[in-house]
PDB file of N, CA and C in Angstrom:
ATOM      1  N   MET A   1      71.443  78.904  84.072  1.00  0.00           N
ATOM      2  CA  MET A   1      70.442  78.650  85.086  1.00  0.00           C
ATOM      3  C   MET A   1      69.909  77.226  84.985  1.00  0.00           C
ATOM      4  N   LYS A   2      69.609  76.781  83.746  1.00  0.00           N
ATOM      5  CA  LYS A   2      69.071  75.433  83.554  1.00  0.00           C
ATOM      6  C   LYS A   2      70.104  74.372  83.915  1.00  0.00           C
ATOM      7  N   LYS A   3      71.384  74.640  83.645  1.00  0.00           N
ATOM      8  CA  LYS A   3      72.433  73.691  83.996  1.00  0.00           C
ATOM      9  C   LYS A   3      72.526  73.539  85.516  1.00  0.00           C
ATOM     10  N   GLY A   4      72.356  74.612  86.236  1.00  0.00           N
ATOM     11  CA  GLY A   4      72.398  74.577  87.700  1.00  0.00           C
ATOM     12  C   GLY A   4      71.245  73.762  88.276  1.00  0.00           C
ATOM     13  N   ILE A   5      70.059  73.948  87.709  1.00  0.00           N
ATOM     14  CA  ILE A   5      68.886  73.193  88.167  1.00  0.00           C
ATOM     15  C   ILE A   5      69.063  71.709  87.858  1.00  0.00           C
ATOM     16  N   ARG A   6      69.560  71.401  86.670  1.00  0.00           N
ATOM     17  CA  ARG A   6      69.798  70.000  86.304  1.00  0.00           C
ATOM     18  C   ARG A   6      70.835  69.360  87.228  1.00  0.00           C
ATOM     19  N   PHE A   7      71.903  70.105  87.531  1.00  0.00           N
ATOM     20  CA  PHE A   7      72.929  69.586  88.415  1.00  0.00           C
ATOM     21  C   PHE A   7      72.357  69.308  89.803  1.00  0.00           C
ATOM     22  N   VAL A   8      71.593  70.233  90.349  1.00  0.00           N
ATOM     23  CA  VAL A   8      70.985  70.045  91.671  1.00  0.00           C
ATOM     24  C   VAL A   8      70.023  68.868  91.653  1.00  0.00           C
ATOM     25  N   LEU A   9      69.221  68.735  90.614  1.00  0.00           N
ATOM     26  CA  LEU A   9      68.280  67.627  90.499  1.00  0.00           C
ATOM     27  C   LEU A   9      69.022  66.292  90.407  1.00  0.00           C
ATOM     28  N   LEU A  10      70.028  66.203  89.569  1.00  0.00           N
ATOM     29  CA  LEU A  10      70.808  64.974  89.425  1.00  0.00           C
ATOM     30  C   LEU A  10      71.531  64.625  90.727  1.00  0.00           C
ATOM     31  N   PHE A  11      72.118  65.616  91.358  1.00  0.00           N
ATOM     32  CA  PHE A  11      72.804  65.392  92.637  1.00  0.00           C
ATOM     33  C   PHE A  11      71.823  64.901  93.695  1.00  0.00           C
ATOM     34  N   SER A  12      70.619  65.457  93.721  1.00  0.00           N
ATOM     35  CA  SER A  12      69.593  65.029  94.689  1.00  0.00           C
ATOM     36  C   SER A  12      69.172  63.586  94.444  1.00  0.00           C
ATOM     37  N   ILE A  13      69.004  63.214  93.192  1.00  0.00           N
ATOM     38  CA  ILE A  13      68.625  61.839  92.860  1.00  0.00           C
ATOM     39  C   ILE A  13      69.724  60.870  93.282  1.00  0.00           C
ATOM     40  N   VAL A  14      70.956  61.202  93.024  1.00  0.00           N
ATOM     41  CA  VAL A  14      72.079  60.344  93.426  1.00  0.00           C
ATOM     42  C   VAL A  14      72.145  60.237  94.946  1.00  0.00           C
ATOM     43  N   LEU A  15      71.960  61.336  95.626  1.00  0.00           N
ATOM     44  CA  LEU A  15      72.004  61.349  97.093  1.00  0.00           C
ATOM     45  C   LEU A  15      70.871  60.505  97.687  1.00  0.00           C
ATOM     46  N   VAL A  16      69.660  60.636  97.177  1.00  0.00           N
ATOM     47  CA  VAL A  16      68.522  59.851  97.673  1.00  0.00           C
ATOM     48  C   VAL A  16      68.729  58.370  97.373  1.00  0.00           C
ATOM     49  N   THR A  17      69.221  58.049  96.196  1.00  0.00           N
ATOM     50  CA  THR A  17      69.491  56.655  95.843  1.00  0.00           C
ATOM     51  C   THR A  17      70.547  56.058  96.763  1.00  0.00           C
ATOM     52  N   TYR A  18      71.598  56.777  97.027  1.00  0.00           N
ATOM     53  CA  TYR A  18      72.641  56.307  97.950  1.00  0.00           C
ATOM     54  C   TYR A  18      72.068  56.086  99.345  1.00  0.00           C
ATOM     55  N   TYR A  19      71.275  57.025  99.824  1.00  0.00           N
ATOM     56  CA  TYR A  19      70.683  56.907 101.162  1.00  0.00           C
ATOM     57  C   TYR A  19      69.768  55.688 101.245  1.00  0.00           C
ATOM     58  N   MET A  20      68.933  55.490 100.238  1.00  0.00           N
ATOM     59  CA  MET A  20      68.017  54.347 100.240  1.00  0.00           C
ATOM     60  C   MET A  20      68.780  53.028 100.182  1.00  0.00           C
ATOM     61  N   THR A  21      69.869  52.988  99.428  1.00  0.00           N
ATOM     62  CA  THR A  21      70.669  51.775  99.314  1.00  0.00           C
ATOM     63  C   THR A  21      71.340  51.423 100.634  1.00  0.00           C
ATOM     64  N   THR A  22      71.820  52.398 101.339  1.00  0.00           N
ATOM     65  CA  THR A  22      72.535  52.135 102.592  1.00  0.00           C
ATOM     66  C   THR A  22      71.613  51.983 103.794  1.00  0.00           C
ATOM     67  N   HIS A  23      70.329  52.263 103.641  1.00  0.00           N
ATOM     68  CA  HIS A  23      69.399  52.180 104.765  1.00  0.00           C
ATOM     69  C   HIS A  23      68.280  51.160 104.528  1.00  0.00           C
ATOM     70  N   ARG A  24      68.591  50.071 103.814  1.00  0.00           N
ATOM     71  CA  ARG A  24      67.631  48.976 103.707  1.00  0.00           C
ATOM     72  C   ARG A  24      67.591  48.269 105.049  1.00  0.00           C
ATOM     73  N   PRO A  25      66.417  48.013 105.607  1.00  0.00           N
ATOM     74  CA  PRO A  25      66.355  47.373 106.920  1.00  0.00           C
ATOM     75  C   PRO A  25      66.755  45.893 106.852  1.00  0.00           C
ATOM     76  N   SER A  26      67.253  45.384 107.975  1.00  0.00           N
ATOM     77  CA  SER A  26      67.722  44.008 108.044  1.00  0.00           C
ATOM     78  C   SER A  26      66.587  43.057 108.427  1.00  0.00           C
ATOM     79  N   GLU A  27      66.891  41.762 108.420  1.00  0.00           N
ATOM     80  CA  GLU A  27      65.909  40.758 108.819  1.00  0.00           C
ATOM     81  C   GLU A  27      65.606  40.877 110.318  1.00  0.00           C
ATOM     82  N   GLU A  28      66.600  41.225 111.121  1.00  0.00           N
ATOM     83  CA  GLU A  28      66.373  41.433 112.555  1.00  0.00           C
ATOM     84  C   GLU A  28      65.397  42.584 112.787  1.00  0.00           C
ATOM     85  N   GLN A  29      65.526  43.631 111.995  1.00  0.00           N
ATOM     86  CA  GLN A  29      64.586  44.751 112.101  1.00  0.00           C
ATOM     87  C   GLN A  29      63.180  44.324 111.693  1.00  0.00           C
ATOM     88  N   PHE A  30      63.073  43.364 110.762  1.00  0.00           N
ATOM     89  CA  PHE A  30      61.764  42.845 110.382  1.00  0.00           C
ATOM     90  C   PHE A  30      61.102  42.163 111.574  1.00  0.00           C
ATOM     91  N   TYR A  31      61.855  41.333 112.293  1.00  0.00           N
ATOM     92  CA  TYR A  31      61.271  40.633 113.430  1.00  0.00           C
ATOM     93  C   TYR A  31      60.884  41.597 114.554  1.00  0.00           C
ATOM     94  N   THR A  32      61.629  42.656 114.739  1.00  0.00           N
ATOM     95  CA  THR A  32      61.251  43.681 115.712  1.00  0.00           C
ATOM     96  C   THR A  32      59.967  44.370 115.268  1.00  0.00           C
ATOM     97  N   TRP A  33      59.869  44.713 113.997  1.00  0.00           N
ATOM     98  CA  TRP A  33      58.662  45.332 113.440  1.00  0.00           C
ATOM     99  C   TRP A  33      57.475  44.393 113.557  1.00  0.00           C
ATOM    100  N   LEU A  34      57.675  43.099 113.281  1.00  0.00           N
ATOM    101  CA  LEU A  34      56.618  42.097 113.364  1.00  0.00           C
ATOM    102  C   LEU A  34      56.062  42.012 114.782  1.00  0.00           C
ATOM    103  N   ASP A  35      56.941  42.080 115.763  1.00  0.00           N
ATOM    104  CA  ASP A  35      56.499  42.047 117.160  1.00  0.00           C
ATOM    105  C   ASP A  35      55.723  43.309 117.524  1.00  0.00           C
ATOM    106  N   GLU A  36      56.194  44.463 117.081  1.00  0.00           N
ATOM    107  CA  GLU A  36      55.515  45.723 117.398  1.00  0.00           C
ATOM    108  C   GLU A  36      54.186  45.855 116.655  1.00  0.00           C
ATOM    109  N   GLU A  37      54.165  45.466 115.393  1.00  0.00           N
ATOM    110  CA  GLU A  37      52.988  45.680 114.547  1.00  0.00           C
ATOM    111  C   GLU A  37      51.913  44.608 114.728  1.00  0.00           C
ATOM    112  N   TYR A  38      52.328  43.350 114.832  1.00  0.00           N
ATOM    113  CA  TYR A  38      51.385  42.230 114.849  1.00  0.00           C
ATOM    114  C   TYR A  38      51.423  41.408 116.137  1.00  0.00           C
ATOM    115  N   LYS A  39      52.259  41.793 117.087  1.00  0.00           N
ATOM    116  CA  LYS A  39      52.402  41.078 118.363  1.00  0.00           C
ATOM    117  C   LYS A  39      52.830  39.631 118.150  1.00  0.00           C
ATOM    118  N   ILE A  40      53.685  39.389 117.158  1.00  0.00           N
ATOM    119  CA  ILE A  40      54.231  38.058 116.894  1.00  0.00           C
ATOM    120  C   ILE A  40      55.712  38.093 117.233  1.00  0.00           C
ATOM    121  N   ASP A  41      56.101  37.307 118.241  1.00  0.00           N
ATOM    122  CA  ASP A  41      57.481  37.274 118.728  1.00  0.00           C
ATOM    123  C   ASP A  41      58.144  35.989 118.232  1.00  0.00           C
ATOM    124  N   CYS A  42      59.182  36.118 117.428  1.00  0.00           N
ATOM    125  CA  CYS A  42      59.854  34.961 116.837  1.00  0.00           C
ATOM    126  C   CYS A  42      61.301  34.845 117.304  1.00  0.00           C
ATOM    127  N   THR A  43      61.547  34.997 118.575  1.00  0.00           N
ATOM    128  CA  THR A  43      62.914  34.902 119.085  1.00  0.00           C
ATOM    129  C   THR A  43      63.359  33.468 119.292  1.00  0.00           C
ATOM    130  N   GLU A  44      62.459  32.494 119.168  1.00  0.00           N
ATOM    131  CA  GLU A  44      62.775  31.098 119.462  1.00  0.00           C
ATOM    132  C   GLU A  44      62.833  30.235 118.204  1.00  0.00           C
ATOM    133  N   GLY A  45      63.426  30.683 117.131  1.00  0.00           N
ATOM    134  CA  GLY A  45      63.534  29.870 115.919  1.00  0.00           C
ATOM    135  C   GLY A  45      62.272  29.910 115.082  1.00  0.00           C
ATOM    136  N   VAL A  46      61.818  28.726 114.618  1.00  0.00           N
ATOM    137  CA  VAL A  46      60.654  28.683 113.735  1.00  0.00           C
ATOM    138  C   VAL A  46      59.338  28.739 114.494  1.00  0.00           C
ATOM    139  N   SER A  47      59.355  28.528 115.799  1.00  0.00           N
ATOM    140  CA  SER A  47      58.105  28.674 116.554  1.00  0.00           C
ATOM    141  C   SER A  47      58.025  30.091 117.094  1.00  0.00           C
ATOM    142  N   CYS A  48      56.877  30.691 116.919  1.00  0.00           N
ATOM    143  CA  CYS A  48      56.652  32.069 117.325  1.00  0.00           C
ATOM    144  C   CYS A  48      55.474  32.118 118.288  1.00  0.00           C
ATOM    145  N   ILE A  49      55.352  33.211 118.993  1.00  0.00           N
ATOM    146  CA  ILE A  49      54.249  33.404 119.925  1.00  0.00           C
ATOM    147  C   ILE A  49      53.499  34.660 119.534  1.00  0.00           C
ATOM    148  N   ARG A  50      52.181  34.525 119.335  1.00  0.00           N
ATOM    149  CA  ARG A  50      51.339  35.688 119.063  1.00  0.00           C
ATOM    150  C   ARG A  50      50.602  36.037 120.344  1.00  0.00           C
ATOM    151  N   LYS A  51      50.822  37.259 120.810  1.00  0.00           N
ATOM    152  CA  LYS A  51      50.165  37.721 122.032  1.00  0.00           C
ATOM    153  C   LYS A  51      48.783  38.235 121.682  1.00  0.00           C
ATOM    154  N   LYS A  52      47.752  37.593 122.220  1.00  0.00           N
ATOM    155  CA  LYS A  52      46.378  38.047 121.957  1.00  0.00           C
ATOM    156  C   LYS A  52      45.990  39.167 122.907  1.00  0.00           C
ATOM    157  N   ASP A  53      46.291  39.008 124.175  1.00  0.00           N
ATOM    158  CA  ASP A  53      46.120  40.064 125.169  1.00  0.00           C
ATOM    159  C   ASP A  53      47.130  39.797 126.274  1.00  0.00           C
ATOM    160  N   GLU A  54      46.980  40.466 127.406  1.00  0.00           N
ATOM    161  CA  GLU A  54      47.979  40.331 128.461  1.00  0.00           C
ATOM    162  C   GLU A  54      48.077  38.911 129.018  1.00  0.00           C
ATOM    163  N   ASP A  55      46.956  38.187 129.059  1.00  0.00           N
ATOM    164  CA  ASP A  55      46.936  36.875 129.700  1.00  0.00           C
ATOM    165  C   ASP A  55      46.966  35.697 128.743  1.00  0.00           C
ATOM    166  N   SER A  56      46.782  35.915 127.460  1.00  0.00           N
ATOM    167  CA  SER A  56      46.734  34.768 126.551  1.00  0.00           C
ATOM    168  C   SER A  56      47.642  34.980 125.348  1.00  0.00           C
ATOM    169  N   ALA A  57      48.144  33.847 124.864  1.00  0.00           N
ATOM    170  CA  ALA A  57      49.010  33.843 123.685  1.00  0.00           C
ATOM    171  C   ALA A  57      48.834  32.501 122.987  1.00  0.00           C
ATOM    172  N   GLU A  58      49.202  32.460 121.725  1.00  0.00           N
ATOM    173  CA  GLU A  58      49.141  31.202 120.997  1.00  0.00           C
ATOM    174  C   GLU A  58      50.456  30.977 120.280  1.00  0.00           C
ATOM    175  N   ILE A  59      50.789  29.713 120.088  1.00  0.00           N
ATOM    176  CA  ILE A  59      52.025  29.351 119.414  1.00  0.00           C
ATOM    177  C   ILE A  59      51.762  29.264 117.917  1.00  0.00           C
ATOM    178  N   LEU A  60      52.642  29.874 117.149  1.00  0.00           N
ATOM    179  CA  LEU A  60      52.585  29.826 115.693  1.00  0.00           C
ATOM    180  C   LEU A  60      53.847  29.146 115.178  1.00  0.00           C
ATOM    181  N   ILE A  61      53.710  28.396 114.110  1.00  0.00           N
ATOM    182  CA  ILE A  61      54.850  27.779 113.445  1.00  0.00           C
ATOM    183  C   ILE A  61      55.048  28.497 112.111  1.00  0.00           C
ATOM    184  N   GLU A  62      56.278  28.882 111.842  1.00  0.00           N
ATOM    185  CA  GLU A  62      56.591  29.536 110.571  1.00  0.00           C
ATOM    186  C   GLU A  62      56.701  28.453 109.499  1.00  0.00           C
ATOM    187  N   THR A  63      55.712  28.391 108.623  1.00  0.00           N
ATOM    188  CA  THR A  63      55.683  27.336 107.602  1.00  0.00           C
ATOM    189  C   THR A  63      56.211  27.799 106.253  1.00  0.00           C
ATOM    190  N   GLY A  64      56.381  29.078 106.067  1.00  0.00           N
ATOM    191  CA  GLY A  64      56.905  29.588 104.805  1.00  0.00           C
ATOM    192  C   GLY A  64      57.627  30.900 105.008  1.00  0.00           C
ATOM    193  N   SER A  65      58.685  31.099 104.248  1.00  0.00           N
ATOM    194  CA  SER A  65      59.460  32.319 104.378  1.00  0.00           C
ATOM    195  C   SER A  65      60.064  32.671 103.022  1.00  0.00           C
ATOM    196  N   ASN A  66      60.016  33.960 102.701  1.00  0.00           N
ATOM    197  CA  ASN A  66      60.600  34.447 101.460  1.00  0.00           C
ATOM    198  C   ASN A  66      61.210  35.808 101.746  1.00  0.00           C
ATOM    199  N   ILE A  67      62.522  35.892 101.626  1.00  0.00           N
ATOM    200  CA  ILE A  67      63.225  37.151 101.867  1.00  0.00           C
ATOM    201  C   ILE A  67      64.019  37.483 100.617  1.00  0.00           C
ATOM    202  N   LYS A  68      63.759  38.651 100.041  1.00  0.00           N
ATOM    203  CA  LYS A  68      64.484  39.098  98.865  1.00  0.00           C
ATOM    204  C   LYS A  68      65.297  40.329  99.228  1.00  0.00           C
ATOM    205  N   LYS A  69      66.612  40.197  99.212  1.00  0.00           N
ATOM    206  CA  LYS A  69      67.497  41.305  99.549  1.00  0.00           C
ATOM    207  C   LYS A  69      68.219  41.859  98.324  1.00  0.00           C
ATOM    208  N   GLU A  70      67.960  41.297  97.174  1.00  0.00           N
ATOM    209  CA  GLU A  70      68.727  41.670  95.993  1.00  0.00           C
ATOM    210  C   GLU A  70      68.303  42.983  95.363  1.00  0.00           C
ATOM    211  N   TYR A  71      67.195  43.536  95.793  1.00  0.00           N
ATOM    212  CA  TYR A  71      66.753  44.791  95.210  1.00  0.00           C
ATOM    213  C   TYR A  71      67.677  45.921  95.647  1.00  0.00           C
ATOM    214  N   LEU A  72      67.917  46.856  94.784  1.00  0.00           N
ATOM    215  CA  LEU A  72      68.866  47.933  95.066  1.00  0.00           C
ATOM    216  C   LEU A  72      68.376  48.858  96.172  1.00  0.00           C
ATOM    217  N   LEU A  73      67.106  49.224  96.148  1.00  0.00           N
ATOM    218  CA  LEU A  73      66.619  50.251  97.064  1.00  0.00           C
ATOM    219  C   LEU A  73      65.753  49.722  98.196  1.00  0.00           C
ATOM    220  N   PHE A  74      65.324  48.470  98.146  1.00  0.00           N
ATOM    221  CA  PHE A  74      64.415  47.961  99.175  1.00  0.00           C
ATOM    222  C   PHE A  74      64.534  46.445  99.297  1.00  0.00           C
ATOM    223  N   ASN A  75      63.938  45.874 100.353  1.00  0.00           N
ATOM    224  CA  ASN A  75      63.830  44.433 100.567  1.00  0.00           C
ATOM    225  C   ASN A  75      62.355  44.076 100.588  1.00  0.00           C
ATOM    226  N   THR A  76      62.055  42.818 100.342  1.00  0.00           N
ATOM    227  CA  THR A  76      60.714  42.318 100.587  1.00  0.00           C
ATOM    228  C   THR A  76      60.836  41.073 101.458  1.00  0.00           C
ATOM    229  N   VAL A  77      59.897  40.932 102.388  1.00  0.00           N
ATOM    230  CA  VAL A  77      59.870  39.782 103.281  1.00  0.00           C
ATOM    231  C   VAL A  77      58.447  39.249 103.298  1.00  0.00           C
ATOM    232  N   GLY A  78      58.320  37.942 103.149  1.00  0.00           N
ATOM    233  CA  GLY A  78      57.027  37.285 103.243  1.00  0.00           C
ATOM    234  C   GLY A  78      57.124  36.135 104.226  1.00  0.00           C
ATOM    235  N   LYS A  79      56.198  36.045 105.156  1.00  0.00           N
ATOM    236  CA  LYS A  79      56.188  34.982 106.161  1.00  0.00           C
ATOM    237  C   LYS A  79      54.789  34.388 106.224  1.00  0.00           C
ATOM    238  N   ILE A  80      54.734  33.066 106.367  1.00  0.00           N
ATOM    239  CA  ILE A  80      53.465  32.359 106.554  1.00  0.00           C
ATOM    240  C   ILE A  80      53.548  31.639 107.890  1.00  0.00           C
ATOM    241  N   PHE A  81      52.577  31.895 108.748  1.00  0.00           N
ATOM    242  CA  PHE A  81      52.508  31.283 110.067  1.00  0.00           C
ATOM    243  C   PHE A  81      51.257  30.426 110.148  1.00  0.00           C
ATOM    244  N   GLU A  82      51.354  29.320 110.889  1.00  0.00           N
ATOM    245  CA  GLU A  82      50.207  28.443 111.079  1.00  0.00           C
ATOM    246  C   GLU A  82      50.063  28.150 112.569  1.00  0.00           C
ATOM    247  N   ASP A  83      48.818  28.229 113.069  1.00  0.00           N
ATOM    248  CA  ASP A  83      48.590  27.938 114.479  1.00  0.00           C
ATOM    249  C   ASP A  83      48.186  26.478 114.654  1.00  0.00           C
ATOM    250  N   GLN A  84      47.907  26.081 115.884  1.00  0.00           N
ATOM    251  CA  GLN A  84      47.610  24.679 116.184  1.00  0.00           C
ATOM    252  C   GLN A  84      46.293  24.209 115.589  1.00  0.00           C
ATOM    253  N   ASN A  85      45.413  25.127 115.207  1.00  0.00           N
ATOM    254  CA  ASN A  85      44.141  24.774 114.577  1.00  0.00           C
ATOM    255  C   ASN A  85      44.244  24.672 113.055  1.00  0.00           C
ATOM    256  N   GLY A  86      45.397  24.984 112.507  1.00  0.00           N
ATOM    257  CA  GLY A  86      45.587  24.954 111.059  1.00  0.00           C
ATOM    258  C   GLY A  86      45.286  26.275 110.375  1.00  0.00           C
ATOM    259  N   ASP A  87      44.962  27.314 111.148  1.00  0.00           N
ATOM    260  CA  ASP A  87      44.700  28.636 110.566  1.00  0.00           C
ATOM    261  C   ASP A  87      46.022  29.274 110.156  1.00  0.00           C
ATOM    262  N   ARG A  88      46.041  29.839 108.957  1.00  0.00           N
ATOM    263  CA  ARG A  88      47.262  30.446 108.430  1.00  0.00           C
ATOM    264  C   ARG A  88      47.170  31.969 108.436  1.00  0.00           C
ATOM    265  N   THR A  89      48.291  32.583 108.701  1.00  0.00           N
ATOM    266  CA  THR A  89      48.429  34.029 108.634  1.00  0.00           C
ATOM    267  C   THR A  89      49.601  34.331 107.718  1.00  0.00           C
ATOM    268  N   THR A  90      49.355  35.118 106.679  1.00  0.00           N
ATOM    269  CA  THR A  90      50.400  35.513 105.739  1.00  0.00           C
ATOM    270  C   THR A  90      50.665  36.997 105.896  1.00  0.00           C
ATOM    271  N   ILE A  91      51.931  37.337 106.074  1.00  0.00           N
ATOM    272  CA  ILE A  91      52.321  38.744 106.196  1.00  0.00           C
ATOM    273  C   ILE A  91      53.457  38.994 105.215  1.00  0.00           C
ATOM    274  N   LYS A  92      53.265  39.975 104.344  1.00  0.00           N
ATOM    275  CA  LYS A  92      54.299  40.393 103.396  1.00  0.00           C
ATOM    276  C   LYS A  92      54.553  41.872 103.628  1.00  0.00           C
ATOM    277  N   ALA A  93      55.835  42.232 103.627  1.00  0.00           N
ATOM    278  CA  ALA A  93      56.206  43.616 103.908  1.00  0.00           C
ATOM    279  C   ALA A  93      57.337  44.048 102.987  1.00  0.00           C
ATOM    280  N   ILE A  94      57.422  45.352 102.803  1.00  0.00           N
ATOM    281  CA  ILE A  94      58.511  45.948 102.040  1.00  0.00           C
ATOM    282  C   ILE A  94      59.351  46.783 103.008  1.00  0.00           C
ATOM    283  N   GLY A  95      60.653  46.629 102.914  1.00  0.00           N
ATOM    284  CA  GLY A  95      61.568  47.384 103.754  1.00  0.00           C
ATOM    285  C   GLY A  95      62.271  48.449 102.950  1.00  0.00           C
ATOM    286  N   VAL A  96      62.076  49.686 103.366  1.00  0.00           N
ATOM    287  CA  VAL A  96      62.679  50.814 102.663  1.00  0.00           C
ATOM    288  C   VAL A  96      62.926  51.933 103.669  1.00  0.00           C
ATOM    289  N   LEU A  97      64.029  52.634 103.492  1.00  0.00           N
ATOM    290  CA  LEU A  97      64.394  53.767 104.343  1.00  0.00           C
ATOM    291  C   LEU A  97      64.447  53.387 105.825  1.00  0.00           C
ATOM    292  N   GLY A  98      64.921  52.169 106.118  1.00  0.00           N
ATOM    293  CA  GLY A  98      65.105  51.738 107.495  1.00  0.00           C
ATOM    294  C   GLY A  98      63.845  51.264 108.195  1.00  0.00           C
ATOM    295  N   LYS A  99      62.723  51.160 107.492  1.00  0.00           N
ATOM    296  CA  LYS A  99      61.460  50.738 108.096  1.00  0.00           C
ATOM    297  C   LYS A  99      60.777  49.708 107.218  1.00  0.00           C
ATOM    298  N   TYR A 100      59.842  48.973 107.824  1.00  0.00           N
ATOM    299  CA  TYR A 100      59.028  48.028 107.074  1.00  0.00           C
ATOM    300  C   TYR A 100      57.597  48.533 106.991  1.00  0.00           C
ATOM    301  N   PHE A 101      56.954  48.231 105.862  1.00  0.00           N
ATOM    302  CA  PHE A 101      55.569  48.612 105.636  1.00  0.00           C
ATOM    303  C   PHE A 101      54.823  47.395 105.106  1.00  0.00           C
ATOM    304  N   THR A 102      53.611  47.178 105.599  1.00  0.00           N
ATOM    305  CA  THR A 102      52.816  46.021 105.206  1.00  0.00           C
ATOM    306  C   THR A 102      52.363  46.147 103.764  1.00  0.00           C
ATOM    307  N   ILE A 103      52.565  45.064 103.009  1.00  0.00           N
ATOM    308  CA  ILE A 103      52.020  44.972 101.654  1.00  0.00           C
ATOM    309  C   ILE A 103      50.760  44.126 101.688  1.00  0.00           C
ATOM    310  N   VAL A 104      50.847  42.937 102.316  1.00  0.00           N
ATOM    311  CA  VAL A 104      49.733  42.002 102.387  1.00  0.00           C
ATOM    312  C   VAL A 104      49.637  41.457 103.801  1.00  0.00           C
ATOM    313  N   GLU A 105      48.418  41.434 104.317  1.00  0.00           N
ATOM    314  CA  GLU A 105      48.124  40.759 105.575  1.00  0.00           C
ATOM    315  C   GLU A 105      46.888  39.916 105.324  1.00  0.00           C
ATOM    316  N   ASP A 106      47.044  38.610 105.435  1.00  0.00           N
ATOM    317  CA  ASP A 106      45.928  37.710 105.122  1.00  0.00           C
ATOM    318  C   ASP A 106      45.863  36.618 106.172  1.00  0.00           C
ATOM    319  N   GLY A 107      44.715  36.432 106.756  1.00  0.00           N
ATOM    320  CA  GLY A 107      44.481  35.355 107.697  1.00  0.00           C
ATOM    321  C   GLY A 107      43.430  34.432 107.123  1.00  0.00           C
ATOM    322  N   THR A 108      43.756  33.164 106.905  1.00  0.00           N
ATOM    323  CA  THR A 108      42.804  32.209 106.377  1.00  0.00           C
ATOM    324  C   THR A 108      42.549  31.133 107.405  1.00  0.00           C
ATOM    325  N   SER A 109      41.315  30.747 107.527  1.00  0.00           N
ATOM    326  CA  SER A 109      40.907  29.742 108.497  1.00  0.00           C
ATOM    327  C   SER A 109      40.520  28.461 107.779  1.00  0.00           C
ATOM    328  N   THR A 110      41.003  27.334 108.299  1.00  0.00           N
ATOM    329  CA  THR A 110      40.627  26.048 107.722  1.00  0.00           C
ATOM    330  C   THR A 110      39.357  25.518 108.358  1.00  0.00           C
ATOM    331  N   ASN A 111      38.942  26.128 109.462  1.00  0.00           N
ATOM    332  CA  ASN A 111      37.699  25.748 110.143  1.00  0.00           C
ATOM    333  C   ASN A 111      36.577  26.656 109.687  1.00  0.00           C
ATOM    334  N   SER A 112      35.702  26.156 108.843  1.00  0.00           N
ATOM    335  CA  SER A 112      34.608  26.998 108.330  1.00  0.00           C
ATOM    336  C   SER A 112      33.340  26.794 109.109  1.00  0.00           C
TER     337      SER A 112
END
């Protein structure tokens, strides 16, 4: 009985590990998530557009980027955006099981 439970447990761990490894989200999925979650559209290279409401938007420049894909079960992505006033927005996310989840969201203003 114990051997059967151990086998099922080990098989489940291997199956979950395989699934997580094959379903790490891509960088393109990150940009889709970024647009849905934060209304930041980066389809035009390093300049992005943040939609504030239906009638207004602001241009953001991507000043920093860190993408780590070497992890076995997940990815991490960090992006730093700066607007025309010098205000910075930092967004860091973890990608696992085909989705991204926010780790850090920080907006700093240079205008005090």
